[in-house]
C-alpha atoms as a PDB file:
ATOM      1  CA  MET A   1    -129.801 183.168 -73.545  1.00  0.00           C
ATOM      2  CA  ALA A   2    -132.263 184.630 -75.981  1.00  0.00           C
ATOM      3  CA  ILE A   3    -135.553 183.544 -77.472  1.00  0.00           C
ATOM      4  CA  ASP A   4    -134.751 181.999 -80.833  1.00  0.00           C
ATOM      5  CA  GLU A   5    -137.822 179.998 -81.865  1.00  0.00           C
ATOM      6  CA  VAL A   6    -141.435 181.081 -81.357  1.00  0.00           C
ATOM      7  CA  VAL A   7    -144.489 178.934 -81.995  1.00  0.00           C
ATOM      8  CA  ILE A   8    -147.536 181.196 -82.314  1.00  0.00           C
ATOM      9  CA  LEU A   9    -150.635 179.239 -81.319  1.00  0.00           C
ATOM     10  CA  GLU A  10    -153.004 182.208 -81.487  1.00  0.00           C
ATOM     11  CA  ASN A  11    -152.467 185.871 -82.344  1.00  0.00           C
ATOM     12  CA  SER A  12    -155.382 188.200 -82.966  1.00  0.00           C
ATOM     13  CA  SER A  13    -153.348 191.318 -82.083  1.00  0.00           C
ATOM     14  CA  VAL A  14    -152.388 193.959 -84.652  1.00  0.00           C
ATOM     15  CA  LEU A  15    -148.754 192.810 -84.465  1.00  0.00           C
ATOM     16  CA  TYR A  16    -147.730 190.348 -87.177  1.00  0.00           C
ATOM     17  CA  ASP A  17    -146.407 186.976 -85.958  1.00  0.00           C
ATOM     18  CA  GLU A  18    -142.922 187.783 -87.307  1.00  0.00           C
ATOM     19  CA  LEU A  19    -142.773 191.103 -85.433  1.00  0.00           C
ATOM     20  CA  MET A  20    -143.972 189.437 -82.245  1.00  0.00           C
ATOM     21  CA  ALA A  21    -141.210 186.818 -82.556  1.00  0.00           C
ATOM     22  CA  HIS A  22    -138.639 189.540 -83.247  1.00  0.00           C
ATOM     23  CA  ARG A  23    -139.689 191.544 -80.166  1.00  0.00           C
ATOM     24  CA  LEU A  24    -139.517 188.434 -77.988  1.00  0.00           C
ATOM     25  CA  GLY A  25    -136.070 187.585 -79.350  1.00  0.00           C
ATOM     26  CA  LEU A  26    -134.700 190.937 -78.228  1.00  0.00           C
ATOM     27  CA  LEU A  27    -135.863 190.553 -74.612  1.00  0.00           C
ATOM     28  CA  PRO A  28    -132.742 190.197 -72.453  1.00  0.00           C
ATOM     29  CA  LEU A  29    -133.016 187.051 -70.322  1.00  0.00           C
ATOM     30  CA  LYS A  30    -131.166 186.254 -67.114  1.00  0.00           C
ATOM     31  CA  THR A  31    -128.705 183.528 -68.048  1.00  0.00           C
ATOM     32  CA  ASP A  32    -127.028 180.722 -66.126  1.00  0.00           C
ATOM     33  CA  LEU A  33    -123.989 179.583 -68.115  1.00  0.00           C
ATOM     34  CA  GLU A  34    -123.365 176.636 -65.782  1.00  0.00           C
ATOM     35  CA  ARG A  35    -126.731 174.944 -66.344  1.00  0.00           C
ATOM     36  CA  TYR A  36    -127.079 175.203 -70.125  1.00  0.00           C
ATOM     37  CA  ILE A  37    -124.893 174.336 -73.094  1.00  0.00           C
ATOM     38  CA  LEU A  38    -124.777 175.604 -76.658  1.00  0.00           C
ATOM     39  CA  PRO A  39    -127.213 173.708 -78.931  1.00  0.00           C
ATOM     40  CA  GLU A  40    -124.402 172.535 -81.224  1.00  0.00           C
ATOM     41  CA  GLN A  41    -122.682 170.922 -78.209  1.00  0.00           C
ATOM     42  CA  CYS A  42    -125.840 169.122 -77.070  1.00  0.00           C
ATOM     43  CA  ASP A  43    -126.371 165.453 -77.878  1.00  0.00           C
ATOM     44  CA  CYS A  44    -130.162 165.828 -78.337  1.00  0.00           C
ATOM     45  CA  ARG A  45    -129.859 167.084 -81.947  1.00  0.00           C
ATOM     46  CA  SER A  46    -133.446 168.355 -81.742  1.00  0.00           C
ATOM     47  CA  PRO A  47    -134.321 171.559 -83.650  1.00  0.00           C
ATOM     48  CA  LEU A  48    -136.136 172.909 -80.576  1.00  0.00           C
ATOM     49  CA  GLY A  49    -133.586 171.487 -78.124  1.00  0.00           C
ATOM     50  CA  CYS A  50    -133.939 169.719 -74.796  1.00  0.00           C
ATOM     51  CA  PRO A  51    -133.798 170.796 -71.126  1.00  0.00           C
ATOM     52  CA  LYS A  52    -129.974 170.844 -71.321  1.00  0.00           C
ATOM     53  CA  CYS A  53    -129.834 173.390 -74.147  1.00  0.00           C
ATOM     54  CA  ARG A  54    -133.105 175.355 -74.150  1.00  0.00           C
ATOM     55  CA  VAL A  55    -135.806 176.868 -71.958  1.00  0.00           C
ATOM     56  CA  LEU A  56    -139.510 177.093 -72.775  1.00  0.00           C
ATOM     57  CA  LEU A  57    -141.366 180.329 -72.024  1.00  0.00           C
ATOM     58  CA  VAL A  58    -145.136 180.537 -72.501  1.00  0.00           C
ATOM     59  CA  LEU A  59    -147.353 183.564 -73.028  1.00  0.00           C
ATOM     60  CA  ASP A  60    -151.138 183.293 -72.792  1.00  0.00           C
ATOM     61  CA  ALA A  61    -152.768 186.721 -72.591  1.00  0.00           C
ATOM     62  CA  GLN A  62    -156.133 188.177 -73.497  1.00  0.00           C
ATOM     63  CA  ALA A  63    -157.802 191.578 -73.316  1.00  0.00           C
ATOM     64  CA  ARG A  64    -161.314 190.951 -72.038  1.00  0.00           C
ATOM     65  CA  ASP A  65    -163.055 194.265 -71.459  1.00  0.00           C
ATOM     66  CA  ARG A  66    -160.407 196.949 -72.016  1.00  0.00           C
ATOM     67  CA  VAL A  67    -157.142 197.666 -73.838  1.00  0.00           C
ATOM     68  CA  VAL A  68    -154.193 196.059 -72.048  1.00  0.00           C
ATOM     69  CA  THR A  69    -150.448 196.139 -72.522  1.00  0.00           C
ATOM     70  CA  ILE A  70    -148.736 192.774 -72.284  1.00  0.00           C
ATOM     71  CA  TYR A  71    -145.372 192.986 -70.534  1.00  0.00           C
ATOM     72  CA  SER A  72    -142.362 190.672 -70.324  1.00  0.00           C
ATOM     73  CA  GLY A  73    -143.340 189.734 -66.765  1.00  0.00           C
ATOM     74  CA  GLU A  74    -146.298 187.798 -68.175  1.00  0.00           C
ATOM     75  CA  LEU A  75    -143.999 185.249 -69.829  1.00  0.00           C
ATOM     76  CA  VAL A  76    -144.030 182.047 -67.784  1.00  0.00           C
ATOM     77  CA  SER A  77    -140.686 180.215 -67.857  1.00  0.00           C
ATOM     78  CA  GLU A  78    -140.190 176.517 -67.152  1.00  0.00           C
ATOM     79  CA  ASP A  79    -136.951 177.575 -65.396  1.00  0.00           C
ATOM     80  CA  LYS A  80    -137.534 180.163 -62.674  1.00  0.00           C
ATOM     81  CA  GLU A  81    -133.946 181.429 -63.137  1.00  0.00           C
ATOM     82  CA  VAL A  82    -134.244 182.142 -66.877  1.00  0.00           C
ATOM     83  CA  ILE A  83    -136.637 185.084 -67.013  1.00  0.00           C
ATOM     84  CA  PRO A  84    -136.587 188.546 -68.602  1.00  0.00           C
ATOM     85  CA  ILE A  85    -134.280 190.933 -66.716  1.00  0.00           C
ATOM     86  CA  SER A  86    -137.244 193.247 -66.213  1.00  0.00           C
ATOM     87  CA  ASP A  87    -140.922 192.412 -65.998  1.00  0.00           C
ATOM     88  CA  LYS A  88    -141.892 195.848 -67.367  1.00  0.00           C
ATOM     89  CA  ILE A  89    -140.742 195.520 -71.004  1.00  0.00           C
ATOM     90  CA  PRO A  90    -143.795 196.009 -73.273  1.00  0.00           C
ATOM     91  CA  ILE A  91    -144.419 193.258 -75.806  1.00  0.00           C
ATOM     92  CA  VAL A  92    -147.768 194.163 -77.392  1.00  0.00           C
ATOM     93  CA  LYS A  93    -150.988 196.087 -76.744  1.00  0.00           C
ATOM     94  CA  LEU A  94    -154.212 194.131 -77.031  1.00  0.00           C
ATOM     95  CA  ALA A  95    -157.590 195.671 -77.791  1.00  0.00           C
ATOM     96  CA  THR A  96    -160.774 194.276 -76.299  1.00  0.00           C
ATOM     97  CA  GLY A  97    -161.254 190.656 -77.368  1.00  0.00           C
ATOM     98  CA  GLN A  98    -157.740 190.184 -78.752  1.00  0.00           C
ATOM     99  CA  LYS A  99    -155.570 187.302 -77.604  1.00  0.00           C
ATOM    100  CA  VAL A 100    -151.983 186.091 -77.864  1.00  0.00           C
ATOM    101  CA  LYS A 101    -150.944 182.530 -77.050  1.00  0.00           C
ATOM    102  CA  LEU A 102    -147.447 181.308 -77.864  1.00  0.00           C
ATOM    103  CA  GLU A 103    -144.501 179.124 -76.904  1.00  0.00           C
ATOM    104  CA  ALA A 104    -141.034 180.685 -77.031  1.00  0.00           C
ATOM    105  CA  TYR A 105    -137.824 178.665 -76.920  1.00  0.00           C
ATOM    106  CA  ALA A 106    -134.712 180.356 -75.535  1.00  0.00           C
ATOM    107  CA  LYS A 107    -131.222 179.015 -76.064  1.00  0.00           C
ATOM    108  CA  LEU A 108    -127.604 180.047 -75.691  1.00  0.00           C
ATOM    109  CA  GLY A 109    -125.946 181.639 -78.683  1.00  0.00           C
ATOM    110  CA  ARG A 110    -123.103 183.883 -79.769  1.00  0.00           C
ATOM    111  CA  GLY A 111    -123.192 187.614 -80.343  1.00  0.00           C
ATOM    112  CA  LYS A 112    -121.366 187.171 -83.657  1.00  0.00           C
ATOM    113  CA  ASP A 113    -124.419 185.239 -84.919  1.00  0.00           C
ATOM    114  CA  HIS A 114    -127.080 187.740 -83.768  1.00  0.00           C
ATOM    115  CA  ALA A 115    -127.214 190.860 -81.589  1.00  0.00           C
ATOM    116  CA  LYS A 116    -129.800 189.240 -79.298  1.00  0.00           C
ATOM    117  CA  TRP A 117    -127.015 187.087 -77.831  1.00  0.00           C
ATOM    118  CA  GLN A 118    -124.651 189.983 -77.075  1.00  0.00           C
ATOM    119  CA  PRO A 119    -124.325 190.273 -73.292  1.00  0.00           C
ATOM    120  CA  VAL A 120    -123.010 193.863 -73.400  1.00  0.00           C
ATOM    121  CA  SER A 121    -124.509 197.085 -74.643  1.00  0.00           C
ATOM    122  CA  ALA A 122    -121.158 198.905 -74.449  1.00  0.00           C
ATOM    123  CA  SER A 123    -117.547 198.090 -73.731  1.00  0.00           C
ATOM    124  CA  VAL A 124    -114.736 200.631 -73.798  1.00  0.00           C
ATOM    125  CA  LEU A 125    -111.019 200.279 -73.204  1.00  0.00           C
ATOM    126  CA  THR A 126    -109.284 203.550 -72.305  1.00  0.00           C
ATOM    127  CA  GLU A 127    -105.797 204.547 -71.242  1.00  0.00           C
ATOM    128  CA  THR A 128    -105.572 205.889 -67.705  1.00  0.00           C
ATOM    129  CA  GLY A 129    -102.622 208.178 -68.367  1.00  0.00           C
ATOM    130  CA  LYS A 130    -100.255 205.928 -66.464  1.00  0.00           C
ATOM    131  CA  GLU A 131     -97.813 203.774 -68.418  1.00  0.00           C
ATOM    132  CA  ASP A 132     -99.174 200.347 -69.391  1.00  0.00           C
ATOM    133  CA  GLU A 133    -102.412 200.893 -67.452  1.00  0.00           C
ATOM    134  CA  PHE A 134    -105.861 200.687 -68.999  1.00  0.00           C
ATOM    135  CA  GLU A 135    -109.421 200.826 -67.743  1.00  0.00           C
ATOM    136  CA  LEU A 136    -112.064 198.510 -69.131  1.00  0.00           C
ATOM    137  CA  TYR A 137    -115.695 199.605 -68.888  1.00  0.00           C
ATOM    138  CA  ILE A 138    -118.332 196.909 -69.496  1.00  0.00           C
ATOM    139  CA  GLU A 139    -122.048 197.739 -69.545  1.00  0.00           C
ATOM    140  CA  SER A 140    -124.104 194.567 -69.328  1.00  0.00           C
ATOM    141  CA  VAL A 141    -127.614 194.283 -70.759  1.00  0.00           C
ATOM    142  CA  GLY A 142    -128.458 192.399 -67.565  1.00  0.00           C
ATOM    143  CA  SER A 143    -128.343 188.792 -68.703  1.00  0.00           C
ATOM    144  CA  LEU A 144    -124.887 188.301 -67.129  1.00  0.00           C
ATOM    145  CA  THR A 145    -122.847 190.330 -64.676  1.00  0.00           C
ATOM    146  CA  ALA A 146    -119.836 192.295 -65.976  1.00  0.00           C
ATOM    147  CA  PRO A 147    -117.321 190.068 -64.100  1.00  0.00           C
ATOM    148  CA  THR A 148    -118.966 186.951 -65.582  1.00  0.00           C
ATOM    149  CA  ILE A 149    -118.803 188.463 -69.077  1.00  0.00           C
ATOM    150  CA  LEU A 150    -115.107 189.292 -68.690  1.00  0.00           C
ATOM    151  CA  SER A 151    -114.288 185.883 -67.220  1.00  0.00           C
ATOM    152  CA  LYS A 152    -116.153 183.984 -69.957  1.00  0.00           C
ATOM    153  CA  ALA A 153    -114.566 186.148 -72.677  1.00  0.00           C
ATOM    154  CA  ALA A 154    -111.097 185.390 -71.283  1.00  0.00           C
ATOM    155  CA  GLU A 155    -111.935 181.671 -71.171  1.00  0.00           C
ATOM    156  CA  ILE A 156    -113.114 181.698 -74.811  1.00  0.00           C
ATOM    157  CA  LEU A 157    -110.011 183.631 -75.902  1.00  0.00           C
ATOM    158  CA  HIS A 158    -107.762 181.156 -74.069  1.00  0.00           C
ATOM    159  CA  ASP A 159    -109.482 178.203 -75.776  1.00  0.00           C
ATOM    160  CA  LYS A 160    -109.146 179.828 -79.218  1.00  0.00           C
ATOM    161  CA  LEU A 161    -105.456 180.559 -78.652  1.00  0.00           C
ATOM    162  CA  ASN A 162    -104.911 176.928 -77.652  1.00  0.00           C
ATOM    163  CA  GLN A 163    -106.711 175.734 -80.784  1.00  0.00           C
ATOM    164  CA  PHE A 164    -104.613 178.080 -82.924  1.00  0.00           C
ATOM    165  CA  ALA A 165    -101.372 176.942 -81.290  1.00  0.00           C
ATOM    166  CA  THR A 166    -102.326 173.277 -81.762  1.00  0.00           C
ATOM    167  CA  ALA A 167    -103.237 173.831 -85.428  1.00  0.00           C
ATOM    168  CA  LYS A 168     -99.919 175.578 -86.089  1.00  0.00           C
ATOM    169  CA  GLY A 169     -97.936 172.948 -84.193  1.00  0.00           C
ATOM    170  CA  LEU A 170     -96.888 175.419 -81.517  1.00  0.00           C
ATOM    171  CA  ALA A 171     -98.369 173.524 -78.587  1.00  0.00           C
END
């Protein structure tokens, strides 16, 4: 999951609304693939989605008497399982009197559409030196575990091969 839509209700920080939305979109979120579906597979057809295909996160922060840094841990999620992988990722610094209030909508997506939905930061396939033996290294960004990433990738590949075989009359 990644934040895809941001509704800025108030932003008196030095960061433009677009940059704030971009920073939020790149926050890696813990993801539960069993509880949410892709927006295009959802029957709600709403641009902002529904509880089956999106999660609302809210940020309401203000610097009262000193400069403060707003971190990812200050985002309040309607789903306690879908939260940033770390609560120490800086979002914005606020000077005295500045305020940020926003609603962020996270949804499932595909890495081919945008990097914010890529669950891995690195993946490498190497030969081990033994015949027909390879080693696969997967470095997760933290939203999913490496075994989950591999399992889901195999499932998607299997589905695509079935679709291809059906289209070509091979199945």
